[in-house]
Amino acid sequence: MRGGAANPVRLRYTKRGKIRWISHRDVARALERAFRITQLPLAFTEGFSPRPKVSFGLALSTGHESEAEYLDLVFAEDFDLESLSVSLTEALPEGMAVTGAAPLAERAPALQEAVTAVVWRVEPAGADGSPVDASQLAVHIERALALPALPTSKRRKGRDAEEDVLPFIRRCEIRDTNPVSVEMELITQPRSVKPGDVFSGIARATGLAGGLAEAQVLRTHQWIERDGTRLEPLDADTRPRALEARAS
C-alpha cells in the first residue's frame, strides 16, 4: 500500500442460509465489523461523527437470499484487491462471502440509481404452504402476463393501496420442476416491486386456487443498463476489470 488520493472500490457479496433472517441494517453492521477486523484503510466522512465512506446497493428483504449483493466503499490509499475477497469473507458471519472486487471509477453513479433490473429465483407454495404443480402454475403465469393489468394490494404509509405490477415484469417463467422454481426479471426504476407482489398479482388475476406465496427467494443477478448494453455492477463504472474471489 502507498499513500495517495481516495480510491473507490465496488464489492459483490452473498447472503445465503440462516443469515438471510438478519435485517439490511444488521448486514451493514456485519460488513463494517469485518472492515474493522481486517483493518482496511477506509476513507471517512468529515465532521463530529466520522463514518466510513460506504454506499450500499438495493436493500434485500429479510428472509430473502442473494448471490449478487453490492456495495461501494472508498479507500484512503491504494490497496491490493487480490486478497480482499478472502480476508473479508473470513471476517464475516457464516453465509456471507465477498465474491468479487473491482476498482470503481471516480464519481460513478450510486448503485441504487444505476441498477435497472434484478433477477429472482423463487420457489413458490400455496398460501397455506402446500406444494404447487408446475404445469398448472405455468398456465396461470401465461394467462396473467397476457392480461392488460395485474393489480395487487400493497401497504404504503399505513394504508392499503392498489398497484399494477405488470409494468414491472420483464420475464416470468418456470425454470425447474423438482422443486418447482420460477425465474422472474423485474425492473427497479423508477421504483421496484417484490417477487411476492408478482405472485399476489398472478394469483388474484387468474383465480389460482389456494393462492400463491414465496417458499424461498434468491436474488441471482442485478443489472445496469445503458445505451442498449447490460452489465453486471462489477463490470459497470469500474476500472478496468473485476478481480474474482480465489477458490479456497
C-alpha atoms as a PDB file:
ATOM      1  CA  MET A   1       0.000   0.000   0.000  1.00  0.00           C
ATOM      2  CA  ARG A   2       1.068   3.551  -0.558  1.00  0.00           C
ATOM      3  CA  GLY A   3      -0.426   6.957   0.198  1.00  0.00           C
ATOM      4  CA  GLY A   4      -2.444   8.789  -2.432  1.00  0.00           C
ATOM      5  CA  ALA A   5      -5.824  10.004  -3.473  1.00  0.00           C
ATOM      6  CA  ALA A   6      -9.072   8.336  -2.422  1.00  0.00           C
ATOM      7  CA  ASN A   7      -9.695   5.037  -4.208  1.00  0.00           C
ATOM      8  CA  PRO A   8     -13.311   3.899  -4.684  1.00  0.00           C
ATOM      9  CA  VAL A   9     -13.971   0.148  -4.873  1.00  0.00           C
ATOM     10  CA  ARG A  10     -17.070  -1.953  -5.612  1.00  0.00           C
ATOM     11  CA  LEU A  11     -17.678  -5.279  -3.852  1.00  0.00           C
ATOM     12  CA  ARG A  12     -20.016  -8.152  -4.610  1.00  0.00           C
ATOM     13  CA  TYR A  13     -21.126 -10.425  -1.762  1.00  0.00           C
ATOM     14  CA  THR A  14     -23.584 -13.199  -0.987  1.00  0.00           C
ATOM     15  CA  LYS A  15     -26.182 -13.733   1.720  1.00  0.00           C
ATOM     16  CA  ARG A  16     -27.196 -17.394   1.978  1.00  0.00           C
ATOM     17  CA  GLY A  17     -28.598 -19.750   4.594  1.00  0.00           C
ATOM     18  CA  LYS A  18     -29.650 -18.754   8.113  1.00  0.00           C
ATOM     19  CA  ILE A  19     -28.058 -15.310   7.755  1.00  0.00           C
ATOM     20  CA  ARG A  20     -30.978 -14.401   5.450  1.00  0.00           C
ATOM     21  CA  TRP A  21     -33.048 -13.719   8.574  1.00  0.00           C
ATOM     22  CA  ILE A  22     -30.989 -10.723   9.654  1.00  0.00           C
ATOM     23  CA  SER A  23     -32.067  -7.264   8.512  1.00  0.00           C
ATOM     24  CA  HIS A  24     -30.387  -4.991   5.971  1.00  0.00           C
ATOM     25  CA  ARG A  25     -29.156  -2.843   8.863  1.00  0.00           C
ATOM     26  CA  ASP A  26     -27.593  -5.863  10.566  1.00  0.00           C
ATOM     27  CA  VAL A  27     -25.901  -6.815   7.291  1.00  0.00           C
ATOM     28  CA  ALA A  28     -24.382  -3.335   7.184  1.00  0.00           C
ATOM     29  CA  ARG A  29     -23.146  -3.756  10.766  1.00  0.00           C
ATOM     30  CA  ALA A  30     -21.586  -7.148   9.947  1.00  0.00           C
ATOM     31  CA  LEU A  31     -19.746  -5.682   6.981  1.00  0.00           C
ATOM     32  CA  GLU A  32     -18.499  -2.661   8.925  1.00  0.00           C
ATOM     33  CA  ARG A  33     -17.252  -5.016  11.662  1.00  0.00           C
ATOM     34  CA  ALA A  34     -15.392  -7.032   9.007  1.00  0.00           C
ATOM     35  CA  PHE A  35     -13.820  -3.823   7.700  1.00  0.00           C
ATOM     36  CA  ARG A  36     -12.513  -3.091  11.213  1.00  0.00           C
ATOM     37  CA  ILE A  37     -11.239  -6.641  11.776  1.00  0.00           C
ATOM     38  CA  THR A  38      -9.303  -6.617   8.511  1.00  0.00           C
ATOM     39  CA  GLN A  39      -8.093  -3.072   9.210  1.00  0.00           C
ATOM     40  CA  LEU A  40      -8.981  -1.786   5.775  1.00  0.00           C
ATOM     41  CA  PRO A  41      -7.656   1.725   5.109  1.00  0.00           C
ATOM     42  CA  LEU A  42     -11.105   3.195   4.561  1.00  0.00           C
ATOM     43  CA  ALA A  43     -11.722   6.872   3.903  1.00  0.00           C
ATOM     44  CA  PHE A  44     -14.024   8.568   6.421  1.00  0.00           C
ATOM     45  CA  THR A  45     -16.517  11.380   6.244  1.00  0.00           C
ATOM     46  CA  GLU A  46     -15.668  14.667   7.949  1.00  0.00           C
ATOM     47  CA  GLY A  47     -17.446  16.256  10.901  1.00  0.00           C
ATOM     48  CA  PHE A  48     -18.115  15.407  14.549  1.00  0.00           C
ATOM     49  CA  SER A  49     -19.085  11.800  13.875  1.00  0.00           C
ATOM     50  CA  PRO A  50     -16.915  10.409  11.044  1.00  0.00           C
ATOM     51  CA  ARG A  51     -18.239   7.332   9.272  1.00  0.00           C
ATOM     52  CA  PRO A  52     -16.603   5.056   6.675  1.00  0.00           C
ATOM     53  CA  LYS A  53     -17.436   6.097   3.132  1.00  0.00           C
ATOM     54  CA  VAL A  54     -19.625   3.099   2.309  1.00  0.00           C
ATOM     55  CA  SER A  55     -22.642   3.130  -0.010  1.00  0.00           C
ATOM     56  CA  PHE A  56     -24.962   0.111  -0.129  1.00  0.00           C
ATOM     57  CA  GLY A  57     -26.976  -1.034  -3.118  1.00  0.00           C
ATOM     58  CA  LEU A  58     -30.605  -2.139  -3.249  1.00  0.00           C
ATOM     59  CA  ALA A  59     -31.844  -3.419   0.101  1.00  0.00           C
ATOM     60  CA  LEU A  60     -32.646  -7.123   0.325  1.00  0.00           C
ATOM     61  CA  SER A  61     -35.793  -8.066   2.218  1.00  0.00           C
ATOM     62  CA  THR A  62     -35.293 -10.025   5.430  1.00  0.00           C
ATOM     63  CA  GLY A  63     -35.716 -13.726   4.674  1.00  0.00           C
ATOM     64  CA  HIS A  64     -34.505 -13.438   1.080  1.00  0.00           C
ATOM     65  CA  GLU A  65     -31.181 -14.866  -0.057  1.00  0.00           C
ATOM     66  CA  SER A  66     -28.818 -13.453  -2.660  1.00  0.00           C
ATOM     67  CA  GLU A  67     -25.833 -14.367  -4.782  1.00  0.00           C
ATOM     68  CA  ALA A  68     -25.442 -10.817  -6.055  1.00  0.00           C
ATOM     69  CA  GLU A  69     -25.358  -8.037  -3.464  1.00  0.00           C
ATOM     70  CA  TYR A  70     -23.178  -4.968  -3.978  1.00  0.00           C
ATOM     71  CA  LEU A  71     -21.684  -2.069  -2.095  1.00  0.00           C
ATOM     72  CA  ASP A  72     -19.269   0.744  -2.885  1.00  0.00           C
ATOM     73  CA  LEU A  73     -16.582   1.924  -0.484  1.00  0.00           C
ATOM     74  CA  VAL A  74     -13.646   4.303  -0.609  1.00  0.00           C
ATOM     75  CA  PHE A  75     -10.090   3.524   0.468  1.00  0.00           C
ATOM     76  CA  ALA A  76      -7.907   6.339   1.758  1.00  0.00           C
ATOM     77  CA  GLU A  77      -4.931   4.878  -0.108  1.00  0.00           C
ATOM     78  CA  ASP A  78      -4.095   2.284  -2.744  1.00  0.00           C
ATOM     79  CA  PHE A  79      -4.948  -1.260  -1.697  1.00  0.00           C
ATOM     80  CA  ASP A  80      -4.287  -4.699  -3.162  1.00  0.00           C
ATOM     81  CA  LEU A  81      -7.718  -6.046  -4.103  1.00  0.00           C
ATOM     82  CA  GLU A  82      -6.494  -9.523  -4.983  1.00  0.00           C
ATOM     83  CA  SER A  83      -6.623 -10.744  -1.366  1.00  0.00           C
ATOM     84  CA  LEU A  84      -9.610  -8.651  -0.307  1.00  0.00           C
ATOM     85  CA  SER A  85     -12.333 -11.211  -1.020  1.00  0.00           C
ATOM     86  CA  VAL A  86     -10.663 -13.914   1.077  1.00  0.00           C
ATOM     87  CA  SER A  87      -9.763 -11.723   4.059  1.00  0.00           C
ATOM     88  CA  LEU A  88     -13.199 -10.090   4.284  1.00  0.00           C
ATOM     89  CA  THR A  89     -15.057 -13.397   3.926  1.00  0.00           C
ATOM     90  CA  GLU A  90     -13.082 -14.825   6.843  1.00  0.00           C
ATOM     91  CA  ALA A  91     -14.244 -11.896   8.995  1.00  0.00           C
ATOM     92  CA  LEU A  92     -17.924 -12.170   8.005  1.00  0.00           C
ATOM     93  CA  PRO A  93     -20.647 -14.363   9.566  1.00  0.00           C
ATOM     94  CA  GLU A  94     -21.318 -17.773   8.026  1.00  0.00           C
ATOM     95  CA  GLY A  95     -23.468 -17.384   4.912  1.00  0.00           C
ATOM     96  CA  MET A  96     -21.916 -14.089   3.843  1.00  0.00           C
ATOM     97  CA  ALA A  97     -18.984 -14.118   1.428  1.00  0.00           C
ATOM     98  CA  VAL A  98     -17.296 -11.478  -0.717  1.00  0.00           C
ATOM     99  CA  THR A  99     -17.084 -12.944  -4.222  1.00  0.00           C
ATOM    100  CA  GLY A 100     -15.633 -10.081  -6.238  1.00  0.00           C
ATOM    101  CA  ALA A 101     -13.979  -6.688  -6.049  1.00  0.00           C
ATOM    102  CA  ALA A 102     -13.237  -4.053  -8.672  1.00  0.00           C
ATOM    103  CA  PRO A 103     -11.721  -0.574  -8.646  1.00  0.00           C
ATOM    104  CA  LEU A 104     -14.503   1.927  -9.232  1.00  0.00           C
ATOM    105  CA  ALA A 105     -14.422   4.982 -11.468  1.00  0.00           C
ATOM    106  CA  GLU A 106     -14.465   8.381  -9.785  1.00  0.00           C
ATOM    107  CA  ARG A 107     -17.946   9.872  -9.329  1.00  0.00           C
ATOM    108  CA  ALA A 108     -19.658   6.692 -10.510  1.00  0.00           C
ATOM    109  CA  PRO A 109     -23.464   6.760 -10.136  1.00  0.00           C
ATOM    110  CA  ALA A 110     -24.759   5.274  -6.888  1.00  0.00           C
ATOM    111  CA  LEU A 111     -25.841   1.651  -7.087  1.00  0.00           C
ATOM    112  CA  GLN A 112     -29.405   2.440  -6.056  1.00  0.00           C
ATOM    113  CA  GLU A 113     -29.692   4.793  -9.035  1.00  0.00           C
ATOM    114  CA  ALA A 114     -27.665   2.732 -11.514  1.00  0.00           C
ATOM    115  CA  VAL A 115     -29.232  -0.736 -11.149  1.00  0.00           C
ATOM    116  CA  THR A 116     -32.196  -1.017 -13.501  1.00  0.00           C
ATOM    117  CA  ALA A 117     -33.228  -4.681 -13.249  1.00  0.00           C
ATOM    118  CA  VAL A 118     -32.852  -7.679 -10.948  1.00  0.00           C
ATOM    119  CA  VAL A 119     -33.375 -11.404 -11.472  1.00  0.00           C
ATOM    120  CA  TRP A 120     -35.003 -13.613  -8.852  1.00  0.00           C
ATOM    121  CA  ARG A 121     -35.264 -17.391  -8.478  1.00  0.00           C
ATOM    122  CA  VAL A 122     -38.360 -18.124  -6.392  1.00  0.00           C
ATOM    123  CA  GLU A 123     -39.688 -21.417  -5.072  1.00  0.00           C
ATOM    124  CA  PRO A 124     -43.472 -20.993  -4.818  1.00  0.00           C
ATOM    125  CA  ALA A 125     -46.014 -22.537  -2.469  1.00  0.00           C
ATOM    126  CA  GLY A 126     -49.712 -22.224  -1.871  1.00  0.00           C
ATOM    127  CA  ALA A 127     -50.797 -19.564   0.611  1.00  0.00           C
ATOM    128  CA  ASP A 128     -51.132 -22.367   3.186  1.00  0.00           C
ATOM    129  CA  GLY A 129     -47.674 -23.748   2.381  1.00  0.00           C
ATOM    130  CA  SER A 130     -48.976 -26.554   0.168  1.00  0.00           C
ATOM    131  CA  PRO A 131     -46.973 -27.710  -2.904  1.00  0.00           C
ATOM    132  CA  VAL A 132     -47.614 -26.082  -6.285  1.00  0.00           C
ATOM    133  CA  ASP A 133     -48.000 -28.023  -9.529  1.00  0.00           C
ATOM    134  CA  ALA A 134     -45.500 -26.733 -12.104  1.00  0.00           C
ATOM    135  CA  SER A 135     -47.669 -27.290 -15.180  1.00  0.00           C
ATOM    136  CA  GLN A 136     -50.697 -25.636 -13.565  1.00  0.00           C
ATOM    137  CA  LEU A 137     -48.603 -22.674 -12.433  1.00  0.00           C
ATOM    138  CA  ALA A 138     -47.131 -22.267 -15.925  1.00  0.00           C
ATOM    139  CA  VAL A 139     -50.641 -21.932 -17.344  1.00  0.00           C
ATOM    140  CA  HIS A 140     -51.589 -19.289 -14.779  1.00  0.00           C
ATOM    141  CA  ILE A 141     -48.386 -17.317 -15.408  1.00  0.00           C
ATOM    142  CA  GLU A 142     -49.006 -17.325 -19.167  1.00  0.00           C
ATOM    143  CA  ARG A 143     -52.591 -16.178 -18.652  1.00  0.00           C
ATOM    144  CA  ALA A 144     -51.545 -13.466 -16.219  1.00  0.00           C
ATOM    145  CA  LEU A 145     -48.854 -11.996 -18.475  1.00  0.00           C
ATOM    146  CA  ALA A 146     -51.373 -11.755 -21.321  1.00  0.00           C
ATOM    147  CA  LEU A 147     -53.733  -9.587 -19.261  1.00  0.00           C
ATOM    148  CA  PRO A 148     -53.786  -5.778 -19.522  1.00  0.00           C
ATOM    149  CA  ALA A 149     -53.006  -5.376 -15.797  1.00  0.00           C
ATOM    150  CA  LEU A 150     -52.064  -7.327 -12.669  1.00  0.00           C
ATOM    151  CA  PRO A 151     -53.412  -5.339  -9.708  1.00  0.00           C
ATOM    152  CA  THR A 152     -52.309  -6.195  -6.193  1.00  0.00           C
ATOM    153  CA  SER A 153     -52.819  -4.612  -2.802  1.00  0.00           C
ATOM    154  CA  LYS A 154     -49.776  -3.101  -1.067  1.00  0.00           C
ATOM    155  CA  ARG A 155     -49.349  -1.421   2.285  1.00  0.00           C
ATOM    156  CA  ARG A 156     -47.900   2.084   1.880  1.00  0.00           C
ATOM    157  CA  LYS A 157     -47.507   4.544   4.726  1.00  0.00           C
ATOM    158  CA  GLY A 158     -50.024   2.680   6.852  1.00  0.00           C
ATOM    159  CA  ARG A 159     -52.644   2.437   4.101  1.00  0.00           C
ATOM    160  CA  ASP A 160     -53.654  -0.245   1.607  1.00  0.00           C
ATOM    161  CA  ALA A 161     -53.102   0.840  -1.973  1.00  0.00           C
ATOM    162  CA  GLU A 162     -53.749  -0.818  -5.328  1.00  0.00           C
ATOM    163  CA  GLU A 163     -50.793  -1.188  -7.666  1.00  0.00           C
ATOM    164  CA  ASP A 164     -50.437  -2.765 -11.101  1.00  0.00           C
ATOM    165  CA  VAL A 165     -47.308  -4.959 -11.062  1.00  0.00           C
ATOM    166  CA  LEU A 166     -47.435  -5.935 -14.751  1.00  0.00           C
ATOM    167  CA  PRO A 167     -45.288  -2.983 -15.970  1.00  0.00           C
ATOM    168  CA  PHE A 168     -42.504  -4.122 -13.609  1.00  0.00           C
ATOM    169  CA  ILE A 169     -42.261  -7.638 -15.088  1.00  0.00           C
ATOM    170  CA  ARG A 170     -39.842  -8.257 -17.939  1.00  0.00           C
ATOM    171  CA  ARG A 171     -39.857 -12.007 -17.671  1.00  0.00           C
ATOM    172  CA  CYS A 172     -41.557 -14.626 -15.508  1.00  0.00           C
ATOM    173  CA  GLU A 173     -41.257 -18.325 -16.282  1.00  0.00           C
ATOM    174  CA  ILE A 174     -40.934 -21.782 -14.789  1.00  0.00           C
ATOM    175  CA  ARG A 175     -37.265 -22.776 -14.547  1.00  0.00           C
ATOM    176  CA  ASP A 176     -37.326 -26.054 -12.630  1.00  0.00           C
ATOM    177  CA  THR A 177     -39.956 -28.589 -11.657  1.00  0.00           C
ATOM    178  CA  ASN A 178     -38.305 -30.503  -8.781  1.00  0.00           C
ATOM    179  CA  PRO A 179     -38.567 -28.450  -6.715  1.00  0.00           C
ATOM    180  CA  VAL A 180     -40.701 -26.009  -8.659  1.00  0.00           C
ATOM    181  CA  SER A 181     -38.963 -22.686  -9.189  1.00  0.00           C
ATOM    182  CA  VAL A 182     -39.888 -19.530 -11.054  1.00  0.00           C
ATOM    183  CA  GLU A 183     -37.373 -17.118 -12.532  1.00  0.00           C
ATOM    184  CA  MET A 184     -38.508 -13.534 -12.842  1.00  0.00           C
ATOM    185  CA  GLU A 185     -36.752 -10.413 -14.033  1.00  0.00           C
ATOM    186  CA  LEU A 186     -38.158  -7.214 -12.563  1.00  0.00           C
ATOM    187  CA  ILE A 187     -37.273  -3.595 -13.258  1.00  0.00           C
ATOM    188  CA  THR A 188     -36.164  -1.353 -10.400  1.00  0.00           C
ATOM    189  CA  GLN A 189     -36.571   2.132 -11.859  1.00  0.00           C
ATOM    190  CA  PRO A 190     -38.275   4.443 -11.093  1.00  0.00           C
ATOM    191  CA  ARG A 191     -39.266   2.046  -8.290  1.00  0.00           C
ATOM    192  CA  SER A 192     -39.443  -1.699  -7.763  1.00  0.00           C
ATOM    193  CA  VAL A 193     -41.790  -4.456  -6.659  1.00  0.00           C
ATOM    194  CA  LYS A 194     -41.044  -7.675  -4.797  1.00  0.00           C
ATOM    195  CA  PRO A 195     -41.482 -11.227  -6.111  1.00  0.00           C
ATOM    196  CA  GLY A 196     -44.286 -11.728  -3.591  1.00  0.00           C
ATOM    197  CA  ASP A 197     -46.175  -8.805  -5.155  1.00  0.00           C
ATOM    198  CA  VAL A 198     -45.913 -10.514  -8.551  1.00  0.00           C
ATOM    199  CA  PHE A 199     -47.187 -13.806  -7.144  1.00  0.00           C
ATOM    200  CA  SER A 200     -50.063 -11.998  -5.463  1.00  0.00           C
ATOM    201  CA  GLY A 201     -50.995 -10.292  -8.729  1.00  0.00           C
ATOM    202  CA  ILE A 202     -50.879 -13.553 -10.682  1.00  0.00           C
ATOM    203  CA  ALA A 203     -52.994 -15.475  -8.167  1.00  0.00           C
ATOM    204  CA  ARG A 204     -55.550 -12.680  -7.869  1.00  0.00           C
ATOM    205  CA  ALA A 205     -55.909 -12.053 -11.613  1.00  0.00           C
ATOM    206  CA  THR A 206     -56.187 -15.705 -12.638  1.00  0.00           C
ATOM    207  CA  GLY A 207     -58.135 -17.062  -9.679  1.00  0.00           C
ATOM    208  CA  LEU A 208     -55.387 -19.511  -8.721  1.00  0.00           C
ATOM    209  CA  ALA A 209     -56.945 -21.831  -6.140  1.00  0.00           C
ATOM    210  CA  GLY A 210     -55.096 -21.752  -2.825  1.00  0.00           C
ATOM    211  CA  GLY A 211     -53.264 -18.529  -3.680  1.00  0.00           C
ATOM    212  CA  LEU A 212     -49.538 -18.201  -4.255  1.00  0.00           C
ATOM    213  CA  ALA A 213     -46.738 -17.409  -1.807  1.00  0.00           C
ATOM    214  CA  GLU A 214     -42.943 -17.442  -1.605  1.00  0.00           C
ATOM    215  CA  ALA A 215     -41.360 -20.524  -0.043  1.00  0.00           C
ATOM    216  CA  GLN A 216     -37.800 -19.431  -0.832  1.00  0.00           C
ATOM    217  CA  VAL A 217     -36.418 -16.394  -2.661  1.00  0.00           C
ATOM    218  CA  LEU A 218     -32.942 -15.948  -4.147  1.00  0.00           C
ATOM    219  CA  ARG A 219     -31.664 -12.839  -5.933  1.00  0.00           C
ATOM    220  CA  THR A 220     -29.316 -14.143  -8.650  1.00  0.00           C
ATOM    221  CA  HIS A 221     -28.404 -11.048 -10.688  1.00  0.00           C
ATOM    222  CA  GLN A 222     -28.513  -7.282 -10.710  1.00  0.00           C
ATOM    223  CA  TRP A 223     -28.097  -5.378 -13.973  1.00  0.00           C
ATOM    224  CA  ILE A 224     -27.018  -1.891 -15.008  1.00  0.00           C
ATOM    225  CA  GLU A 225     -28.290  -0.995 -18.475  1.00  0.00           C
ATOM    226  CA  ARG A 226     -27.122   1.888 -20.629  1.00  0.00           C
ATOM    227  CA  ASP A 227     -27.413   2.544 -24.370  1.00  0.00           C
ATOM    228  CA  GLY A 228     -28.590  -0.984 -25.092  1.00  0.00           C
ATOM    229  CA  THR A 229     -25.791  -2.626 -23.096  1.00  0.00           C
ATOM    230  CA  ARG A 230     -26.433  -4.677 -19.957  1.00  0.00           C
ATOM    231  CA  LEU A 231     -23.663  -5.087 -17.411  1.00  0.00           C
ATOM    232  CA  GLU A 232     -23.203  -6.661 -14.015  1.00  0.00           C
ATOM    233  CA  PRO A 233     -22.306  -3.924 -11.485  1.00  0.00           C
ATOM    234  CA  LEU A 234     -18.731  -5.226 -11.245  1.00  0.00           C
ATOM    235  CA  ASP A 235     -18.330  -4.504 -14.963  1.00  0.00           C
ATOM    236  CA  ALA A 236     -20.050  -1.098 -14.990  1.00  0.00           C
ATOM    237  CA  ASP A 237     -18.289   2.130 -13.961  1.00  0.00           C
ATOM    238  CA  THR A 238     -15.243   0.107 -12.914  1.00  0.00           C
ATOM    239  CA  ARG A 239     -11.597   0.235 -13.928  1.00  0.00           C
ATOM    240  CA  PRO A 240     -10.500  -1.886 -15.543  1.00  0.00           C
ATOM    241  CA  ARG A 241     -11.919  -5.293 -14.558  1.00  0.00           C
ATOM    242  CA  ALA A 242     -13.228  -7.311 -11.588  1.00  0.00           C
ATOM    243  CA  LEU A 243     -10.953  -9.470  -9.503  1.00  0.00           C
ATOM    244  CA  GLU A 244     -12.873 -12.644  -8.675  1.00  0.00           C
ATOM    245  CA  ALA A 245     -12.533 -14.435  -5.359  1.00  0.00           C
ATOM    246  CA  ARG A 246      -9.980 -17.213  -5.497  1.00  0.00           C
ATOM    247  CA  ALA A 247     -11.142 -20.738  -4.898  1.00  0.00           C
ATOM    248  CA  SER A 248     -10.360 -21.888  -1.397  1.00  0.00           C
END
